[in-house]
C-alpha atoms as a PDB file:
ATOM      1  CA  MET A   1    -152.628 -14.476 107.174  1.00  0.00           C
ATOM      2  CA  ILE A   2    -151.975 -12.217 110.117  1.00  0.00           C
ATOM      3  CA  HIS A   3    -152.327  -8.485 109.517  1.00  0.00           C
ATOM      4  CA  ILE A   4    -150.158  -6.030 111.475  1.00  0.00           C
ATOM      5  CA  VAL A   5    -151.049  -2.358 111.891  1.00  0.00           C
ATOM      6  CA  PHE A   6    -149.584   0.350 114.090  1.00  0.00           C
ATOM      7  CA  GLN A   7    -152.526   2.634 114.898  1.00  0.00           C
ATOM      8  CA  GLN A   8    -155.818   1.807 116.614  1.00  0.00           C
ATOM      9  CA  ALA A   9    -157.892   3.611 113.993  1.00  0.00           C
ATOM     10  CA  ASP A  10    -156.405   1.394 111.276  1.00  0.00           C
ATOM     11  CA  ILE A  11    -158.089  -1.708 112.691  1.00  0.00           C
ATOM     12  CA  GLU A  12    -161.663  -0.679 111.917  1.00  0.00           C
ATOM     13  CA  VAL A  13    -161.013   0.335 108.318  1.00  0.00           C
ATOM     14  CA  LEU A  14    -159.047  -2.852 107.637  1.00  0.00           C
ATOM     15  CA  GLU A  15    -161.858  -4.946 109.146  1.00  0.00           C
ATOM     16  CA  LYS A  16    -164.284  -3.280 106.723  1.00  0.00           C
ATOM     17  CA  ALA A  17    -161.912  -3.972 103.839  1.00  0.00           C
ATOM     18  CA  ILE A  18    -161.785  -7.669 104.803  1.00  0.00           C
ATOM     19  CA  ASP A  19    -165.592  -7.752 104.764  1.00  0.00           C
ATOM     20  CA  LEU A  20    -165.429  -6.565 101.162  1.00  0.00           C
ATOM     21  CA  ASP A  21    -162.702  -9.020 100.107  1.00  0.00           C
ATOM     22  CA  LYS A  22    -162.537 -12.400 101.823  1.00  0.00           C
ATOM     23  CA  SER A  23    -159.142 -13.097 100.271  1.00  0.00           C
ATOM     24  CA  LEU A  24    -157.814 -10.759 102.974  1.00  0.00           C
ATOM     25  CA  GLU A  25    -159.387 -12.886 105.710  1.00  0.00           C
ATOM     26  CA  GLY A  26    -157.163 -13.098 108.771  1.00  0.00           C
ATOM     27  CA  ARG A  27    -156.797 -11.702 112.253  1.00  0.00           C
ATOM     28  CA  ILE A  28    -155.529  -8.182 112.888  1.00  0.00           C
ATOM     29  CA  GLU A  29    -152.824  -7.462 115.453  1.00  0.00           C
ATOM     30  CA  ILE A  30    -151.583  -4.045 116.518  1.00  0.00           C
ATOM     31  CA  ILE A  31    -148.179  -2.827 117.637  1.00  0.00           C
ATOM     32  CA  ARG A  32    -149.246  -0.100 120.062  1.00  0.00           C
ATOM     33  CA  ASP A  33    -146.111   1.704 121.159  1.00  0.00           C
ATOM     34  CA  ASP A  34    -144.969   4.794 119.253  1.00  0.00           C
ATOM     35  CA  TYR A  35    -141.298   4.095 118.546  1.00  0.00           C
ATOM     36  CA  ALA A  36    -140.983   7.475 116.797  1.00  0.00           C
ATOM     37  CA  VAL A  37    -140.529   9.165 120.190  1.00  0.00           C
ATOM     38  CA  GLY A  38    -138.720   8.355 123.408  1.00  0.00           C
ATOM     39  CA  PRO A  39    -135.644   6.287 124.332  1.00  0.00           C
ATOM     40  CA  ILE A  40    -134.898   3.195 122.252  1.00  0.00           C
ATOM     41  CA  ASP A  41    -131.329   2.452 123.285  1.00  0.00           C
ATOM     42  CA  ASN A  42    -130.954  -1.312 123.925  1.00  0.00           C
ATOM     43  CA  ILE A  43    -134.671  -1.635 123.194  1.00  0.00           C
ATOM     44  CA  TYR A  44    -134.474  -5.441 122.821  1.00  0.00           C
ATOM     45  CA  GLU A  45    -132.664  -5.926 126.128  1.00  0.00           C
ATOM     46  CA  THR A  46    -134.455  -6.024 129.475  1.00  0.00           C
ATOM     47  CA  GLU A  47    -132.717  -2.877 130.773  1.00  0.00           C
ATOM     48  CA  GLY A  48    -133.496  -0.799 127.689  1.00  0.00           C
ATOM     49  CA  TYR A  49    -137.065  -2.091 127.517  1.00  0.00           C
ATOM     50  CA  GLN A  50    -137.718  -1.254 131.187  1.00  0.00           C
ATOM     51  CA  GLN A  51    -136.152   2.185 130.752  1.00  0.00           C
ATOM     52  CA  ARG A  52    -138.560   2.920 127.937  1.00  0.00           C
ATOM     53  CA  ARG A  53    -141.541   1.543 129.870  1.00  0.00           C
ATOM     54  CA  GLN A  54    -140.695   3.795 132.808  1.00  0.00           C
ATOM     55  CA  TRP A  55    -140.367   6.822 130.522  1.00  0.00           C
ATOM     56  CA  ILE A  56    -143.819   6.130 129.059  1.00  0.00           C
ATOM     57  CA  LYS A  57    -145.331   5.615 132.503  1.00  0.00           C
ATOM     58  CA  ASN A  58    -143.898   8.937 133.737  1.00  0.00           C
ATOM     59  CA  LEU A  59    -145.535  10.746 130.825  1.00  0.00           C
ATOM     60  CA  LEU A  60    -148.866   8.976 131.304  1.00  0.00           C
ATOM     61  CA  ASP A  61    -148.875   9.649 135.074  1.00  0.00           C
ATOM     62  CA  GLN A  62    -148.919  13.368 134.318  1.00  0.00           C
ATOM     63  CA  SER A  63    -151.615  13.113 131.632  1.00  0.00           C
ATOM     64  CA  PRO A  64    -155.444  12.681 131.788  1.00  0.00           C
ATOM     65  CA  TYR A  65    -155.075   9.013 130.872  1.00  0.00           C
ATOM     66  CA  ASN A  66    -155.086   6.013 133.218  1.00  0.00           C
ATOM     67  CA  SER A  67    -151.424   5.016 133.168  1.00  0.00           C
ATOM     68  CA  ASP A  68    -151.870   1.563 134.761  1.00  0.00           C
ATOM     69  CA  GLN A  69    -154.582   0.576 132.287  1.00  0.00           C
ATOM     70  CA  LEU A  70    -152.646   1.779 129.248  1.00  0.00           C
ATOM     71  CA  MET A  71    -149.384   0.222 130.404  1.00  0.00           C
ATOM     72  CA  ASP A  72    -151.182  -3.110 130.655  1.00  0.00           C
ATOM     73  CA  MET A  73    -152.471  -2.675 127.096  1.00  0.00           C
ATOM     74  CA  VAL A  74    -149.085  -1.795 125.601  1.00  0.00           C
ATOM     75  CA  ASP A  75    -147.094  -5.022 125.671  1.00  0.00           C
ATOM     76  CA  ASP A  76    -145.599  -5.292 122.198  1.00  0.00           C
ATOM     77  CA  ARG A  77    -142.992  -7.827 123.278  1.00  0.00           C
ATOM     78  CA  MET A  78    -145.757 -10.251 124.170  1.00  0.00           C
ATOM     79  CA  ALA A  79    -147.485  -9.532 120.859  1.00  0.00           C
ATOM     80  CA  VAL A  80    -144.315 -10.451 118.975  1.00  0.00           C
ATOM     81  CA  HIS A  81    -143.808 -13.532 121.129  1.00  0.00           C
ATOM     82  CA  GLU A  82    -147.305 -14.756 120.194  1.00  0.00           C
ATOM     83  CA  LEU A  83    -146.770 -13.830 116.552  1.00  0.00           C
ATOM     84  CA  LYS A  84    -143.540 -15.837 116.310  1.00  0.00           C
ATOM     85  CA  LYS A  85    -145.180 -18.749 118.094  1.00  0.00           C
ATOM     86  CA  ASP A  86    -147.966 -18.793 115.493  1.00  0.00           C
ATOM     87  CA  LEU A  87    -145.483 -18.650 112.626  1.00  0.00           C
ATOM     88  CA  ASN A  88    -143.470 -21.533 114.064  1.00  0.00           C
ATOM     89  CA  GLU A  89    -146.579 -23.658 114.632  1.00  0.00           C
ATOM     90  CA  ASN A  90    -148.131 -22.883 111.216  1.00  0.00           C
ATOM     91  CA  PRO A  91    -145.444 -23.094 108.477  1.00  0.00           C
ATOM     92  CA  THR A  92    -147.833 -21.748 105.778  1.00  0.00           C
ATOM     93  CA  GLU A  93    -148.854 -18.647 107.766  1.00  0.00           C
ATOM     94  CA  GLU A  94    -147.845 -15.229 106.459  1.00  0.00           C
ATOM     95  CA  VAL A  95    -147.574 -11.856 108.156  1.00  0.00           C
ATOM     96  CA  TRP A  96    -148.821  -8.807 106.262  1.00  0.00           C
ATOM     97  CA  ILE A  97    -147.385  -5.557 107.635  1.00  0.00           C
ATOM     98  CA  TRP A  98    -149.430  -2.486 106.677  1.00  0.00           C
ATOM     99  CA  MET A  99    -147.905   0.959 107.047  1.00  0.00           C
ATOM    100  CA  GLY A 100    -148.716   4.468 105.965  1.00  0.00           C
ATOM    101  CA  GLN A 101    -146.287   7.224 105.105  1.00  0.00           C
ATOM    102  CA  ASN A 102    -145.568   8.447 108.630  1.00  0.00           C
ATOM    103  CA  GLN A 103    -142.797   8.007 111.171  1.00  0.00           C
ATOM    104  CA  HIS A 104    -145.035   6.177 113.646  1.00  0.00           C
ATOM    105  CA  ASP A 105    -145.733   3.298 111.246  1.00  0.00           C
ATOM    106  CA  VAL A 106    -142.225   3.180 109.761  1.00  0.00           C
ATOM    107  CA  CYS A 107    -140.479   3.108 113.140  1.00  0.00           C
ATOM    108  CA  GLY A 108    -142.908   0.401 114.233  1.00  0.00           C
ATOM    109  CA  TYR A 109    -142.043  -1.557 111.098  1.00  0.00           C
ATOM    110  CA  TYR A 110    -138.300  -1.261 111.809  1.00  0.00           C
ATOM    111  CA  TRP A 111    -138.807  -2.399 115.399  1.00  0.00           C
ATOM    112  CA  LEU A 112    -140.919  -5.372 114.301  1.00  0.00           C
ATOM    113  CA  VAL A 113    -139.145  -6.574 111.153  1.00  0.00           C
ATOM    114  CA  SER A 114    -135.819  -6.661 112.985  1.00  0.00           C
ATOM    115  CA  GLN A 115    -137.291  -9.530 115.032  1.00  0.00           C
ATOM    116  CA  LEU A 116    -138.695 -11.546 112.116  1.00  0.00           C
ATOM    117  CA  GLN A 117    -135.545 -12.309 110.119  1.00  0.00           C
ATOM    118  CA  GLU A 118    -135.926 -16.062 110.625  1.00  0.00           C
ATOM    119  CA  PHE A 119    -139.244 -15.914 108.734  1.00  0.00           C
ATOM    120  CA  GLN A 120    -137.886 -14.429 105.517  1.00  0.00           C
ATOM    121  CA  GLY A 121    -140.218 -15.336 102.650  1.00  0.00           C
ATOM    122  CA  ARG A 122    -143.292 -15.274 104.899  1.00  0.00           C
ATOM    123  CA  VAL A 123    -143.287 -11.578 105.796  1.00  0.00           C
ATOM    124  CA  VAL A 124    -145.203  -9.306 103.434  1.00  0.00           C
ATOM    125  CA  VAL A 125    -145.110  -5.504 103.499  1.00  0.00           C
ATOM    126  CA  LEU A 126    -147.702  -3.051 102.112  1.00  0.00           C
ATOM    127  CA  TYR A 127    -146.212   0.431 102.303  1.00  0.00           C
ATOM    128  CA  LEU A 128    -148.588   3.084 100.983  1.00  0.00           C
ATOM    129  CA  ASN A 129    -145.760   5.461 100.235  1.00  0.00           C
ATOM    130  CA  ASN A 130    -146.640   8.596  98.235  1.00  0.00           C
ATOM    131  CA  LEU A 131    -149.534   6.859  96.482  1.00  0.00           C
ATOM    132  CA  PRO A 132    -152.782   8.526  95.322  1.00  0.00           C
ATOM    133  CA  PHE A 133    -156.179   7.332  96.553  1.00  0.00           C
ATOM    134  CA  ILE A 134    -159.765   8.500  96.142  1.00  0.00           C
ATOM    135  CA  ASN A 135    -161.441  10.107  99.155  1.00  0.00           C
ATOM    136  CA  GLU A 136    -165.172  10.071 100.035  1.00  0.00           C
ATOM    137  CA  LYS A 137    -165.742  13.136  97.829  1.00  0.00           C
ATOM    138  CA  GLY A 138    -164.223  11.435  94.814  1.00  0.00           C
ATOM    139  CA  GLN A 139    -161.080  13.545  94.972  1.00  0.00           C
ATOM    140  CA  ILE A 140    -157.513  12.310  94.653  1.00  0.00           C
ATOM    141  CA  PHE A 141    -155.404  12.666  97.797  1.00  0.00           C
ATOM    142  CA  TYR A 142    -152.206  11.285  99.290  1.00  0.00           C
ATOM    143  CA  PRO A 143    -152.888   9.694 102.669  1.00  0.00           C
ATOM    144  CA  THR A 144    -150.246   9.542 105.390  1.00  0.00           C
ATOM    145  CA  SER A 145    -152.150   7.036 107.550  1.00  0.00           C
ATOM    146  CA  LEU A 146    -154.083   3.887 106.695  1.00  0.00           C
ATOM    147  CA  HIS A 147    -157.298   4.993 108.404  1.00  0.00           C
ATOM    148  CA  GLU A 148    -157.588   7.929 106.002  1.00  0.00           C
ATOM    149  CA  ILE A 149    -158.276   5.483 103.168  1.00  0.00           C
ATOM    150  CA  GLN A 150    -161.770   4.230 102.314  1.00  0.00           C
ATOM    151  CA  PRO A 151    -162.222   0.487 102.903  1.00  0.00           C
ATOM    152  CA  LYS A 152    -162.991  -0.153  99.232  1.00  0.00           C
ATOM    153  CA  GLU A 153    -159.683   1.513  98.313  1.00  0.00           C
ATOM    154  CA  PHE A 154    -157.855  -1.158 100.330  1.00  0.00           C
ATOM    155  CA  LEU A 155    -158.787  -3.578  97.592  1.00  0.00           C
ATOM    156  CA  LYS A 156    -156.523  -1.578  95.318  1.00  0.00           C
ATOM    157  CA  ALA A 157    -153.898  -1.204  98.038  1.00  0.00           C
ATOM    158  CA  LYS A 158    -153.617  -4.975  98.562  1.00  0.00           C
ATOM    159  CA  LYS A 159    -152.108  -5.274  95.069  1.00  0.00           C
ATOM    160  CA  LEU A 160    -149.044  -3.473  96.436  1.00  0.00           C
ATOM    161  CA  ASN A 161    -148.178  -6.416  98.680  1.00  0.00           C
ATOM    162  CA  ARG A 162    -144.679  -7.794  98.305  1.00  0.00           C
ATOM    163  CA  LYS A 163    -142.438  -9.962 100.396  1.00  0.00           C
ATOM    164  CA  VAL A 164    -139.720  -8.329 102.453  1.00  0.00           C
ATOM    165  CA  THR A 165    -136.538  -9.196 100.580  1.00  0.00           C
ATOM    166  CA  LEU A 166    -133.452 -10.869 101.968  1.00  0.00           C
ATOM    167  CA  SER A 167    -131.564  -7.603 101.344  1.00  0.00           C
ATOM    168  CA  GLU A 168    -134.144  -5.644 103.386  1.00  0.00           C
ATOM    169  CA  PHE A 169    -133.834  -8.139 106.220  1.00  0.00           C
ATOM    170  CA  GLU A 170    -130.153  -7.226 106.287  1.00  0.00           C
ATOM    171  CA  VAL A 171    -130.341  -3.475 105.677  1.00  0.00           C
ATOM    172  CA  ASP A 172    -133.453  -2.474 107.671  1.00  0.00           C
ATOM    173  CA  PRO A 173    -132.334  -3.954 111.017  1.00  0.00           C
ATOM    174  CA  ASP A 174    -128.950  -2.226 110.546  1.00  0.00           C
ATOM    175  CA  GLU A 175    -130.722   1.082 109.938  1.00  0.00           C
ATOM    176  CA  TRP A 176    -132.845   0.577 113.053  1.00  0.00           C
ATOM    177  CA  ARG A 177    -129.762  -0.354 115.098  1.00  0.00           C
ATOM    178  CA  LYS A 178    -128.134   2.966 114.142  1.00  0.00           C
ATOM    179  CA  LEU A 179    -131.259   4.838 115.248  1.00  0.00           C
ATOM    180  CA  CYS A 180    -131.268   2.952 118.545  1.00  0.00           C
ATOM    181  CA  GLU A 181    -127.623   3.840 119.133  1.00  0.00           C
ATOM    182  CA  GLU A 182    -128.305   7.500 118.281  1.00  0.00           C
ATOM    183  CA  ASN A 183    -131.237   7.374 120.747  1.00  0.00           C
ATOM    184  CA  ALA A 184    -132.691  10.737 119.736  1.00  0.00           C
ATOM    185  CA  MET A 185    -135.853  11.713 121.597  1.00  0.00           C
ATOM    186  CA  ILE A 186    -137.786  12.266 118.350  1.00  0.00           C
ATOM    187  CA  ARG A 187    -137.618  10.487 114.980  1.00  0.00           C
ATOM    188  CA  ILE A 188    -139.208  11.841 111.812  1.00  0.00           C
ATOM    189  CA  LEU A 189    -139.739  10.423 108.333  1.00  0.00           C
ATOM    190  CA  GLU A 190    -137.704  12.195 105.664  1.00  0.00           C
ATOM    191  CA  GLY A 191    -139.053  10.136 102.751  1.00  0.00           C
ATOM    192  CA  GLY A 192    -139.225   6.499 101.703  1.00  0.00           C
ATOM    193  CA  LYS A 193    -138.150   4.633 104.833  1.00  0.00           C
ATOM    194  CA  LYS A 194    -135.536   7.245 105.799  1.00  0.00           C
ATOM    195  CA  ILE A 195    -135.829   8.166 109.487  1.00  0.00           C
ATOM    196  CA  ASP A 196    -133.819  10.997 111.065  1.00  0.00           C
ATOM    197  CA  GLY A 197    -133.412  11.899 114.720  1.00  0.00           C
ATOM    198  CA  ARG A 198    -134.414  15.266 116.190  1.00  0.00           C
ATOM    199  CA  LYS A 199    -133.976  16.991 119.550  1.00  0.00           C
ATOM    200  CA  ASP A 200    -136.554  17.104 122.327  1.00  0.00           C
ATOM    201  CA  ASP A 201    -137.775  20.568 121.323  1.00  0.00           C
ATOM    202  CA  PHE A 202    -138.645  19.665 117.702  1.00  0.00           C
ATOM    203  CA  TYR A 203    -142.400  20.199 118.230  1.00  0.00           C
ATOM    204  CA  ASP A 204    -142.134  23.246 120.487  1.00  0.00           C
ATOM    205  CA  GLN A 205    -142.748  25.832 117.765  1.00  0.00           C
ATOM    206  CA  GLU A 206    -145.853  23.957 116.601  1.00  0.00           C
ATOM    207  CA  ILE A 207    -147.174  24.104 120.149  1.00  0.00           C
ATOM    208  CA  LEU A 208    -146.322  27.739 120.780  1.00  0.00           C
ATOM    209  CA  LYS A 209    -147.614  29.180 117.507  1.00  0.00           C
ATOM    210  CA  ASN A 210    -151.033  27.529 118.008  1.00  0.00           C
ATOM    211  CA  LEU A 211    -151.568  28.549 121.630  1.00  0.00           C
ATOM    212  CA  PRO A 212    -154.333  31.059 122.401  1.00  0.00           C
ATOM    213  CA  GLY A 213    -153.662  34.376 124.139  1.00  0.00           C
ATOM    214  CA  ASP A 214    -156.389  33.637 126.682  1.00  0.00           C
ATOM    215  CA  PHE A 215    -156.964  30.535 128.793  1.00  0.00           C
ATOM    216  CA  GLN A 216    -158.760  27.726 126.959  1.00  0.00           C
ATOM    217  CA  LYS A 217    -159.576  24.146 127.933  1.00  0.00           C
ATOM    218  CA  GLY A 218    -156.808  21.619 127.371  1.00  0.00           C
ATOM    219  CA  SER A 219    -158.932  19.526 125.004  1.00  0.00           C
ATOM    220  CA  LYS A 220    -159.636  22.491 122.721  1.00  0.00           C
ATOM    221  CA  VAL A 221    -156.012  23.621 122.662  1.00  0.00           C
ATOM    222  CA  MET A 222    -154.709  20.122 121.951  1.00  0.00           C
ATOM    223  CA  GLY A 223    -157.286  19.618 119.181  1.00  0.00           C
ATOM    224  CA  ALA A 224    -156.189  22.855 117.507  1.00  0.00           C
ATOM    225  CA  ILE A 225    -152.518  21.935 117.693  1.00  0.00           C
ATOM    226  CA  LEU A 226    -152.978  18.392 116.364  1.00  0.00           C
ATOM    227  CA  SER A 227    -155.223  19.551 113.498  1.00  0.00           C
ATOM    228  CA  LYS A 228    -152.613  22.035 112.258  1.00  0.00           C
ATOM    229  CA  MET A 229    -149.464  19.944 112.697  1.00  0.00           C
ATOM    230  CA  LYS A 230    -147.875  18.725 109.477  1.00  0.00           C
ATOM    231  CA  ILE A 231    -145.725  16.120 111.209  1.00  0.00           C
ATOM    232  CA  LYS A 232    -147.949  14.415 113.744  1.00  0.00           C
ATOM    233  CA  THR A 233    -147.143  13.001 117.144  1.00  0.00           C
ATOM    234  CA  GLY A 234    -149.177  11.856 120.153  1.00  0.00           C
ATOM    235  CA  ASP A 235    -150.983  14.095 122.614  1.00  0.00           C
ATOM    236  CA  VAL A 236    -149.213  12.571 125.640  1.00  0.00           C
ATOM    237  CA  PHE A 237    -145.828  13.531 124.192  1.00  0.00           C
ATOM    238  CA  LEU A 238    -147.081  17.053 123.452  1.00  0.00           C
ATOM    239  CA  LEU A 239    -148.340  17.421 127.021  1.00  0.00           C
ATOM    240  CA  TRP A 240    -144.862  16.553 128.238  1.00  0.00           C
ATOM    241  CA  ARG A 241    -143.378  19.270 126.049  1.00  0.00           C
ATOM    242  CA  MET A 242    -146.017  21.727 127.286  1.00  0.00           C
ATOM    243  CA  ARG A 243    -144.893  21.110 130.837  1.00  0.00           C
ATOM    244  CA  GLN A 244    -141.286  21.790 129.802  1.00  0.00           C
ATOM    245  CA  LEU A 245    -142.342  25.013 128.074  1.00  0.00           C
ATOM    246  CA  ALA A 246    -144.302  26.045 131.164  1.00  0.00           C
ATOM    247  CA  ALA A 247    -141.167  25.524 133.249  1.00  0.00           C
ATOM    248  CA  GLU A 248    -139.383  27.861 130.835  1.00  0.00           C
ATOM    249  CA  GLY A 249    -142.087  30.497 131.274  1.00  0.00           C
ATOM    250  CA  LYS A 250    -143.415  30.236 127.723  1.00  0.00           C
ATOM    251  CA  ILE A 251    -146.783  28.673 128.600  1.00  0.00           C
ATOM    252  CA  GLU A 252    -149.203  29.258 131.461  1.00  0.00           C
ATOM    253  CA  ILE A 253    -151.075  26.238 132.785  1.00  0.00           C
ATOM    254  CA  SER A 254    -154.042  26.537 135.112  1.00  0.00           C
ATOM    255  CA  GLY A 255    -155.352  23.344 136.773  1.00  0.00           C
ATOM    256  CA  ASP A 256    -154.139  19.761 136.904  1.00  0.00           C
ATOM    257  CA  MET A 257    -153.161  17.998 133.667  1.00  0.00           C
ATOM    258  CA  SER A 258    -153.310  14.606 135.315  1.00  0.00           C
ATOM    259  CA  LYS A 259    -157.044  14.768 136.141  1.00  0.00           C
ATOM    260  CA  GLY A 260    -158.881  15.316 132.864  1.00  0.00           C
ATOM    261  CA  TRP A 261    -158.850  17.322 129.659  1.00  0.00           C
ATOM    262  CA  LYS A 262    -161.430  19.756 131.081  1.00  0.00           C
ATOM    263  CA  ASP A 263    -159.577  20.124 134.395  1.00  0.00           C
ATOM    264  CA  PHE A 264    -156.802  22.312 133.028  1.00  0.00           C
ATOM    265  CA  GLU A 265    -156.447  25.327 130.770  1.00  0.00           C
ATOM    266  CA  LEU A 266    -153.583  26.685 128.717  1.00  0.00           C
ATOM    267  CA  LYS A 267    -152.485  29.933 127.171  1.00  0.00           C
ATOM    268  CA  SER A 268    -149.355  31.459 125.744  1.00  0.00           C
ATOM    269  CA  ALA A 269    -147.134  33.404 128.108  1.00  0.00           C
ATOM    270  CA  LEU A 270    -145.263  35.025 125.223  1.00  0.00           C
ATOM    271  CA  PRO A 271    -145.939  38.523 123.899  1.00  0.00           C
ATOM    272  CA  ASN A 272    -148.075  38.534 120.723  1.00  0.00           C
ATOM    273  CA  THR A 273    -145.175  39.854 118.687  1.00  0.00           C
ATOM    274  CA  GLU A 274    -142.960  36.946 119.698  1.00  0.00           C
ATOM    275  CA  ASN A 275    -145.668  34.424 118.908  1.00  0.00           C
ATOM    276  CA  LYS A 276    -146.239  36.054 115.508  1.00  0.00           C
ATOM    277  CA  THR A 277    -142.506  35.953 114.744  1.00  0.00           C
ATOM    278  CA  MET A 278    -142.369  32.265 115.620  1.00  0.00           C
ATOM    279  CA  GLU A 279    -145.301  31.535 113.317  1.00  0.00           C
ATOM    280  CA  GLU A 280    -143.702  33.438 110.410  1.00  0.00           C
ATOM    281  CA  ASN A 281    -140.438  31.515 110.894  1.00  0.00           C
ATOM    282  CA  THR A 282    -142.241  28.184 110.507  1.00  0.00           C
ATOM    283  CA  ILE A 283    -144.081  29.052 107.292  1.00  0.00           C
END
């Protein structure tokens, strides 16, 4: 079998689960792009694909990350090409798609499964949707991402595996096609596999209400924002929104965001009363 995950942190925990249960033996592949944000219009055509690649590169160029290195790493089209080649060459091979209850995984699933229709009957999905698990303290919790689950708990999770149905191979690509045509900048998970589009500024209040009143290092500010966000997204996307908010005079940025996390500082440019009002409105 070939396992598919959508987040880097998921790989390690799934590897540990395989060590515990050899019936899960198989290689792990990752779909790296975050299809929950950014342009997806004509995503399967060369023009749409290149438009998205350029959008990602523009964001990375203005972040602390090495854009050339990361762009080389993110080549999901090649990953799918190799996956389909393996499935064609090995008629008994199955693909197991693992996803947690978050828009990153679900949008990745939609993008991927829309390209695997010819392999109906050999594509398995494990969607850990609103299911309880036991954490390291022995407490029940509801994970939103795979890497939050203990490896031994994956042995329970594997029982949830089921083949993607013929109906899903018809309905899910249609749903994804509608989202591509809508081409919203942000997509969030409403429940189940229901994805809805949102405007560019969807995360702005989360950013603004968690900004300090005094300058603090970019790494510290970003860590605080990400730890408090209920609906997660990536730090590169949030940096892009921070630059937009700075252009609107709502954030002050000191230093160069493109150099390193310790090379720039951030603080709110809004009066305390306005920040407090924004926080109250989001409770």
